[in-house]
PDB file of all heavy atoms in Angstrom:
ATOM      1  N   ARG A   1      -2.243   6.074   3.081  1.00  0.00           N
ATOM      2  CA  ARG A   1      -1.068   5.814   3.915  1.00  0.00           C
ATOM      3  C   ARG A   1      -1.493   5.430   5.338  1.00  0.00           C
ATOM      4  O   ARG A   1      -1.010   4.462   5.914  1.00  0.00           O
ATOM      5  CB  ARG A   1      -0.179   7.050   3.979  1.00  0.00           C
ATOM      6  CG  ARG A   1       1.050   6.862   4.868  1.00  0.00           C
ATOM      7  CD  ARG A   1       1.565   8.182   5.450  1.00  0.00           C
ATOM      8  NE  ARG A   1       1.540   9.272   4.512  1.00  0.00           N
ATOM      9  CZ  ARG A   1       2.433   9.470   3.558  1.00  0.00           C
ATOM     10  NH1 ARG A   1       3.440   8.625   3.410  1.00  0.00           N
ATOM     11  NH2 ARG A   1       2.323  10.491   2.746  1.00  0.00           N
ATOM     12  N   ASN A   2      -2.419   6.215   5.924  1.00  0.00           N
ATOM     13  CA  ASN A   2      -2.841   5.944   7.294  1.00  0.00           C
ATOM     14  C   ASN A   2      -3.514   4.578   7.411  1.00  0.00           C
ATOM     15  O   ASN A   2      -3.300   3.856   8.396  1.00  0.00           O
ATOM     16  CB  ASN A   2      -3.800   7.038   7.770  1.00  0.00           C
ATOM     17  CG  ASN A   2      -3.097   8.360   8.038  1.00  0.00           C
ATOM     18  OD1 ASN A   2      -1.876   8.409   8.188  1.00  0.00           O
ATOM     19  ND2 ASN A   2      -3.857   9.436   8.089  1.00  0.00           N
ATOM     20  N   LEU A   3      -4.329   4.227   6.429  1.00  0.00           N
ATOM     21  CA  LEU A   3      -5.004   2.924   6.476  1.00  0.00           C
ATOM     22  C   LEU A   3      -3.996   1.790   6.381  1.00  0.00           C
ATOM     23  O   LEU A   3      -4.082   0.804   7.126  1.00  0.00           O
ATOM     24  CB  LEU A   3      -6.027   2.819   5.345  1.00  0.00           C
ATOM     25  CG  LEU A   3      -6.808   1.495   5.303  1.00  0.00           C
ATOM     26  CD1 LEU A   3      -7.643   1.314   6.569  1.00  0.00           C
ATOM     27  CD2 LEU A   3      -7.689   1.425   4.064  1.00  0.00           C
ATOM     28  N   VAL A   4      -3.032   1.902   5.477  1.00  0.00           N
ATOM     29  CA  VAL A   4      -2.011   0.862   5.333  1.00  0.00           C
ATOM     30  C   VAL A   4      -1.210   0.718   6.619  1.00  0.00           C
ATOM     31  O   VAL A   4      -0.897  -0.405   7.055  1.00  0.00           O
ATOM     32  CB  VAL A   4      -1.093   1.157   4.130  1.00  0.00           C
ATOM     33  CG1 VAL A   4       0.112   0.229   4.120  1.00  0.00           C
ATOM     34  CG2 VAL A   4      -1.874   1.024   2.829  1.00  0.00           C
ATOM     35  N   GLU A   5      -0.877   1.841   7.255  1.00  0.00           N
ATOM     36  CA  GLU A   5      -0.124   1.761   8.502  1.00  0.00           C
ATOM     37  C   GLU A   5      -0.944   1.095   9.602  1.00  0.00           C
ATOM     38  O   GLU A   5      -0.402   0.344  10.425  1.00  0.00           O
ATOM     39  CB  GLU A   5       0.321   3.162   8.928  1.00  0.00           C
ATOM     40  CG  GLU A   5       1.420   3.723   8.034  1.00  0.00           C
ATOM     41  CD  GLU A   5       1.930   5.079   8.499  1.00  0.00           C
ATOM     42  OE1 GLU A   5       1.331   5.647   9.443  1.00  0.00           O
ATOM     43  OE2 GLU A   5       2.905   5.569   7.912  1.00  0.00           O
ATOM     44  N   ALA A   6      -2.258   1.336   9.626  1.00  0.00           N
ATOM     45  CA  ALA A   6      -3.115   0.684  10.623  1.00  0.00           C
ATOM     46  C   ALA A   6      -3.158  -0.820  10.388  1.00  0.00           C
ATOM     47  O   ALA A   6      -3.105  -1.618  11.335  1.00  0.00           O
ATOM     48  CB  ALA A   6      -4.524   1.281  10.572  1.00  0.00           C
ATOM     49  N   VAL A   7      -3.266  -1.229   9.131  1.00  0.00           N
ATOM     50  CA  VAL A   7      -3.287  -2.658   8.807  1.00  0.00           C
ATOM     51  C   VAL A   7      -1.938  -3.294   9.136  1.00  0.00           C
ATOM     52  O   VAL A   7      -1.874  -4.404   9.679  1.00  0.00           O
ATOM     53  CB  VAL A   7      -3.649  -2.869   7.324  1.00  0.00           C
ATOM     54  CG1 VAL A   7      -3.479  -4.335   6.921  1.00  0.00           C
ATOM     55  CG2 VAL A   7      -5.085  -2.416   7.065  1.00  0.00           C
ATOM     56  N   ALA A   8      -0.847  -2.588   8.809  1.00  0.00           N
ATOM     57  CA  ALA A   8       0.488  -3.116   9.103  1.00  0.00           C
ATOM     58  C   ALA A   8       0.661  -3.343  10.603  1.00  0.00           C
ATOM     59  O   ALA A   8       1.222  -4.363  11.038  1.00  0.00           O
ATOM     60  CB  ALA A   8       1.558  -2.161   8.579  1.00  0.00           C
ATOM     61  N   GLU A   9       0.163  -2.411  11.406  1.00  0.00           N
ATOM     62  CA  GLU A   9       0.256  -2.575  12.865  1.00  0.00           C
ATOM     63  C   GLU A   9      -0.604  -3.746  13.325  1.00  0.00           C
ATOM     64  O   GLU A   9      -0.203  -4.534  14.184  1.00  0.00           O
ATOM     65  CB  GLU A   9      -0.183  -1.289  13.557  1.00  0.00           C
ATOM     66  CG  GLU A   9      -0.059  -1.341  15.070  1.00  0.00           C
ATOM     67  CD  GLU A   9      -0.433  -0.031  15.739  1.00  0.00           C
ATOM     68  OE1 GLU A   9      -0.774   0.933  15.021  1.00  0.00           O
ATOM     69  OE2 GLU A   9      -0.389   0.022  16.983  1.00  0.00           O
ATOM     70  N   ASP A  10      -1.788  -3.876  12.741  1.00  0.00           N
ATOM     71  CA  ASP A  10      -2.691  -4.969  13.113  1.00  0.00           C
ATOM     72  C   ASP A  10      -2.096  -6.324  12.745  1.00  0.00           C
ATOM     73  O   ASP A  10      -2.178  -7.285  13.516  1.00  0.00           O
ATOM     74  CB  ASP A  10      -4.036  -4.764  12.406  1.00  0.00           C
ATOM     75  CG  ASP A  10      -5.052  -5.832  12.767  1.00  0.00           C
ATOM     76  OD1 ASP A  10      -5.074  -6.266  13.932  1.00  0.00           O
ATOM     77  OD2 ASP A  10      -5.829  -6.238  11.883  1.00  0.00           O
ATOM     78  N   TRP A  11      -1.476  -6.413  11.571  1.00  0.00           N
ATOM     79  CA  TRP A  11      -0.894  -7.673  11.111  1.00  0.00           C
ATOM     80  C   TRP A  11       0.490  -7.930  11.698  1.00  0.00           C
ATOM     81  O   TRP A  11       0.990  -9.049  11.635  1.00  0.00           O
ATOM     82  CB  TRP A  11      -0.790  -7.675   9.593  1.00  0.00           C
ATOM     83  CG  TRP A  11      -2.092  -7.738   8.868  1.00  0.00           C
ATOM     84  CD1 TRP A  11      -3.349  -7.688   9.404  1.00  0.00           C
ATOM     85  CD2 TRP A  11      -2.277  -7.852   7.456  1.00  0.00           C
ATOM     86  NE1 TRP A  11      -4.294  -7.756   8.421  1.00  0.00           N
ATOM     87  CE2 TRP A  11      -3.667  -7.855   7.209  1.00  0.00           C
ATOM     88  CE3 TRP A  11      -1.412  -7.932   6.373  1.00  0.00           C
ATOM     89  CZ2 TRP A  11      -4.200  -7.961   5.924  1.00  0.00           C
ATOM     90  CZ3 TRP A  11      -1.933  -8.022   5.099  1.00  0.00           C
ATOM     91  CH2 TRP A  11      -3.310  -8.040   4.877  1.00  0.00           C
ATOM     92  N   GLY A  12       1.112  -6.886  12.236  1.00  0.00           N
ATOM     93  CA  GLY A  12       2.454  -7.048  12.781  1.00  0.00           C
ATOM     94  C   GLY A  12       3.517  -7.255  11.725  1.00  0.00           C
ATOM     95  O   GLY A  12       4.479  -8.001  11.931  1.00  0.00           O
ATOM     96  N   THR A  13       3.371  -6.556  10.592  1.00  0.00           N
ATOM     97  CA  THR A  13       4.358  -6.698   9.518  1.00  0.00           C
ATOM     98  C   THR A  13       4.495  -5.372   8.783  1.00  0.00           C
ATOM     99  O   THR A  13       3.575  -4.541   8.798  1.00  0.00           O
ATOM    100  CB  THR A  13       3.929  -7.805   8.526  1.00  0.00           C
ATOM    101  OG1 THR A  13       4.981  -8.052   7.592  1.00  0.00           O
ATOM    102  CG2 THR A  13       2.693  -7.409   7.742  1.00  0.00           C
ATOM    103  N   LEU A  14       5.636  -5.159   8.153  1.00  0.00           N
ATOM    104  CA  LEU A  14       5.879  -3.932   7.409  1.00  0.00           C
ATOM    105  C   LEU A  14       5.165  -3.997   6.065  1.00  0.00           C
ATOM    106  O   LEU A  14       5.344  -4.946   5.300  1.00  0.00           O
ATOM    107  CB  LEU A  14       7.388  -3.735   7.186  1.00  0.00           C
ATOM    108  CG  LEU A  14       7.806  -2.467   6.433  1.00  0.00           C
ATOM    109  CD1 LEU A  14       7.417  -1.220   7.224  1.00  0.00           C
ATOM    110  CD2 LEU A  14       9.309  -2.475   6.167  1.00  0.00           C
ATOM    111  N   LEU A  15       4.334  -3.001   5.795  1.00  0.00           N
ATOM    112  CA  LEU A  15       3.607  -2.900   4.532  1.00  0.00           C
ATOM    113  C   LEU A  15       3.736  -1.475   4.021  1.00  0.00           C
ATOM    114  O   LEU A  15       3.946  -0.537   4.793  1.00  0.00           O
ATOM    115  CB  LEU A  15       2.122  -3.238   4.725  1.00  0.00           C
ATOM    116  CG  LEU A  15       1.783  -4.647   5.206  1.00  0.00           C
ATOM    117  CD1 LEU A  15       0.326  -4.722   5.661  1.00  0.00           C
ATOM    118  CD2 LEU A  15       2.038  -5.667   4.103  1.00  0.00           C
ATOM    119  N   THR A  16       3.584  -1.314   2.723  1.00  0.00           N
ATOM    120  CA  THR A  16       3.634   0.027   2.161  1.00  0.00           C
ATOM    121  C   THR A  16       2.573   0.175   1.086  1.00  0.00           C
ATOM    122  O   THR A  16       1.784  -0.738   0.828  1.00  0.00           O
ATOM    123  CB  THR A  16       5.047   0.332   1.614  1.00  0.00           C
ATOM    124  OG1 THR A  16       5.131   1.722   1.283  1.00  0.00           O
ATOM    125  CG2 THR A  16       5.358  -0.505   0.381  1.00  0.00           C
ATOM    126  N   TRP A  17       2.563   1.315   0.437  1.00  0.00           N
ATOM    127  CA  TRP A  17       1.597   1.639  -0.605  1.00  0.00           C
ATOM    128  C   TRP A  17       2.342   2.428  -1.667  1.00  0.00           C
ATOM    129  O   TRP A  17       3.489   2.841  -1.477  1.00  0.00           O
ATOM    130  CB  TRP A  17       0.451   2.487  -0.032  1.00  0.00           C
ATOM    131  CG  TRP A  17       0.942   3.788   0.516  1.00  0.00           C
ATOM    132  CD1 TRP A  17       1.591   3.986   1.701  1.00  0.00           C
ATOM    133  CD2 TRP A  17       0.907   5.064  -0.123  1.00  0.00           C
ATOM    134  NE1 TRP A  17       1.947   5.306   1.839  1.00  0.00           N
ATOM    135  CE2 TRP A  17       1.536   5.987   0.750  1.00  0.00           C
ATOM    136  CE3 TRP A  17       0.386   5.517  -1.329  1.00  0.00           C
ATOM    137  CZ2 TRP A  17       1.659   7.332   0.435  1.00  0.00           C
ATOM    138  CZ3 TRP A  17       0.507   6.858  -1.644  1.00  0.00           C
ATOM    139  CH2 TRP A  17       1.131   7.755  -0.768  1.00  0.00           C
ATOM    140  N   GLN A  18       1.716   2.619  -2.807  1.00  0.00           N
ATOM    141  CA  GLN A  18       2.356   3.411  -3.852  1.00  0.00           C
ATOM    142  C   GLN A  18       1.284   3.972  -4.775  1.00  0.00           C
ATOM    143  O   GLN A  18       0.166   3.455  -4.854  1.00  0.00           O
ATOM    144  CB  GLN A  18       3.351   2.566  -4.651  1.00  0.00           C
ATOM    145  CG  GLN A  18       2.729   1.393  -5.369  1.00  0.00           C
ATOM    146  CD  GLN A  18       3.758   0.457  -5.988  1.00  0.00           C
ATOM    147  OE1 GLN A  18       4.945   0.530  -5.706  1.00  0.00           O
ATOM    148  NE2 GLN A  18       3.309  -0.449  -6.842  1.00  0.00           N
ATOM    149  N   SER A  19       1.631   5.037  -5.457  1.00  0.00           N
ATOM    150  CA  SER A  19       0.736   5.640  -6.445  1.00  0.00           C
ATOM    151  C   SER A  19       1.134   5.159  -7.831  1.00  0.00           C
ATOM    152  O   SER A  19       2.318   5.219  -8.189  1.00  0.00           O
ATOM    153  CB  SER A  19       0.829   7.167  -6.374  1.00  0.00           C
ATOM    154  OG  SER A  19       0.444   7.639  -5.103  1.00  0.00           O
ATOM    155  N   VAL A  20       0.170   4.689  -8.588  1.00  0.00           N
ATOM    156  CA  VAL A  20       0.433   4.240  -9.958  1.00  0.00           C
ATOM    157  C   VAL A  20      -0.686   4.728 -10.857  1.00  0.00           C
ATOM    158  O   VAL A  20      -1.822   4.918 -10.417  1.00  0.00           O
ATOM    159  CB  VAL A  20       0.541   2.697 -10.059  1.00  0.00           C
ATOM    160  CG1 VAL A  20       1.732   2.179  -9.277  1.00  0.00           C
ATOM    161  CG2 VAL A  20      -0.730   2.019  -9.584  1.00  0.00           C
ATOM    162  N   ASN A  21      -0.358   4.910 -12.118  1.00  0.00           N
ATOM    163  CA  ASN A  21      -1.336   5.333 -13.111  1.00  0.00           C
ATOM    164  C   ASN A  21      -1.626   4.151 -14.026  1.00  0.00           C
ATOM    165  O   ASN A  21      -0.746   3.712 -14.767  1.00  0.00           O
ATOM    166  CB  ASN A  21      -0.791   6.510 -13.924  1.00  0.00           C
ATOM    167  CG  ASN A  21      -1.858   7.143 -14.799  1.00  0.00           C
ATOM    168  OD1 ASN A  21      -2.752   6.469 -15.299  1.00  0.00           O
ATOM    169  ND2 ASN A  21      -1.764   8.452 -14.991  1.00  0.00           N
ATOM    170  N   PRO A  22      -2.846   3.598 -13.988  1.00  0.00           N
ATOM    171  CA  PRO A  22      -3.138   2.413 -14.808  1.00  0.00           C
ATOM    172  C   PRO A  22      -3.063   2.664 -16.306  1.00  0.00           C
ATOM    173  O   PRO A  22      -2.939   1.715 -17.085  1.00  0.00           O
ATOM    174  CB  PRO A  22      -4.562   2.023 -14.384  1.00  0.00           C
ATOM    175  CG  PRO A  22      -5.130   3.251 -13.761  1.00  0.00           C
ATOM    176  CD  PRO A  22      -3.987   4.000 -13.164  1.00  0.00           C
ATOM    177  N   ASP A  23      -3.107   3.933 -16.715  1.00  0.00           N
ATOM    178  CA  ASP A  23      -2.964   4.225 -18.149  1.00  0.00           C
ATOM    179  C   ASP A  23      -1.553   3.931 -18.637  1.00  0.00           C
ATOM    180  O   ASP A  23      -1.347   3.654 -19.820  1.00  0.00           O
ATOM    181  CB  ASP A  23      -3.301   5.690 -18.427  1.00  0.00           C
ATOM    182  CG  ASP A  23      -4.790   5.922 -18.584  1.00  0.00           C
ATOM    183  OD1 ASP A  23      -5.464   5.045 -19.150  1.00  0.00           O
ATOM    184  OD2 ASP A  23      -5.283   6.962 -18.120  1.00  0.00           O
ATOM    185  N   PHE A  24      -0.567   4.011 -17.730  1.00  0.00           N
ATOM    186  CA  PHE A  24       0.825   3.854 -18.137  1.00  0.00           C
ATOM    187  C   PHE A  24       1.522   2.677 -17.460  1.00  0.00           C
ATOM    188  O   PHE A  24       2.694   2.425 -17.719  1.00  0.00           O
ATOM    189  CB  PHE A  24       1.603   5.143 -17.852  1.00  0.00           C
ATOM    190  CG  PHE A  24       0.999   6.363 -18.489  1.00  0.00           C
ATOM    191  CD1 PHE A  24       0.320   7.297 -17.730  1.00  0.00           C
ATOM    192  CD2 PHE A  24       1.077   6.553 -19.855  1.00  0.00           C
ATOM    193  CE1 PHE A  24      -0.251   8.413 -18.307  1.00  0.00           C
ATOM    194  CE2 PHE A  24       0.512   7.667 -20.453  1.00  0.00           C
ATOM    195  CZ  PHE A  24      -0.157   8.601 -19.685  1.00  0.00           C
ATOM    196  N   SER A  25       0.844   1.984 -16.568  1.00  0.00           N
ATOM    197  CA  SER A  25       1.433   0.836 -15.876  1.00  0.00           C
ATOM    198  C   SER A  25       0.916  -0.457 -16.481  1.00  0.00           C
ATOM    199  O   SER A  25      -0.257  -0.560 -16.852  1.00  0.00           O
ATOM    200  CB  SER A  25       1.076   0.872 -14.383  1.00  0.00           C
ATOM    201  OG  SER A  25       1.634   1.989 -13.750  1.00  0.00           O
ATOM    202  N   SER A  26       1.788  -1.434 -16.570  1.00  0.00           N
ATOM    203  CA  SER A  26       1.375  -2.737 -17.074  1.00  0.00           C
ATOM    204  C   SER A  26       0.542  -3.455 -16.023  1.00  0.00           C
ATOM    205  O   SER A  26       0.565  -3.116 -14.836  1.00  0.00           O
ATOM    206  CB  SER A  26       2.605  -3.580 -17.415  1.00  0.00           C
ATOM    207  OG  SER A  26       3.336  -3.888 -16.230  1.00  0.00           O
ATOM    208  N   VAL A  27      -0.185  -4.475 -16.461  1.00  0.00           N
ATOM    209  CA  VAL A  27      -0.956  -5.300 -15.527  1.00  0.00           C
ATOM    210  C   VAL A  27      -0.002  -5.974 -14.550  1.00  0.00           C
ATOM    211  O   VAL A  27      -0.292  -6.098 -13.356  1.00  0.00           O
ATOM    212  CB  VAL A  27      -1.795  -6.338 -16.290  1.00  0.00           C
ATOM    213  CG1 VAL A  27      -2.535  -7.263 -15.317  1.00  0.00           C
ATOM    214  CG2 VAL A  27      -2.794  -5.637 -17.204  1.00  0.00           C
TER     215      VAL A  27
END
């Protein structure tokens, strides 16, 4: 979360992140 927020501030745009499990998520 902290890294994404740092990148979002650097790029000047709203960005987010999410938790996913590749065993149950499609490509």
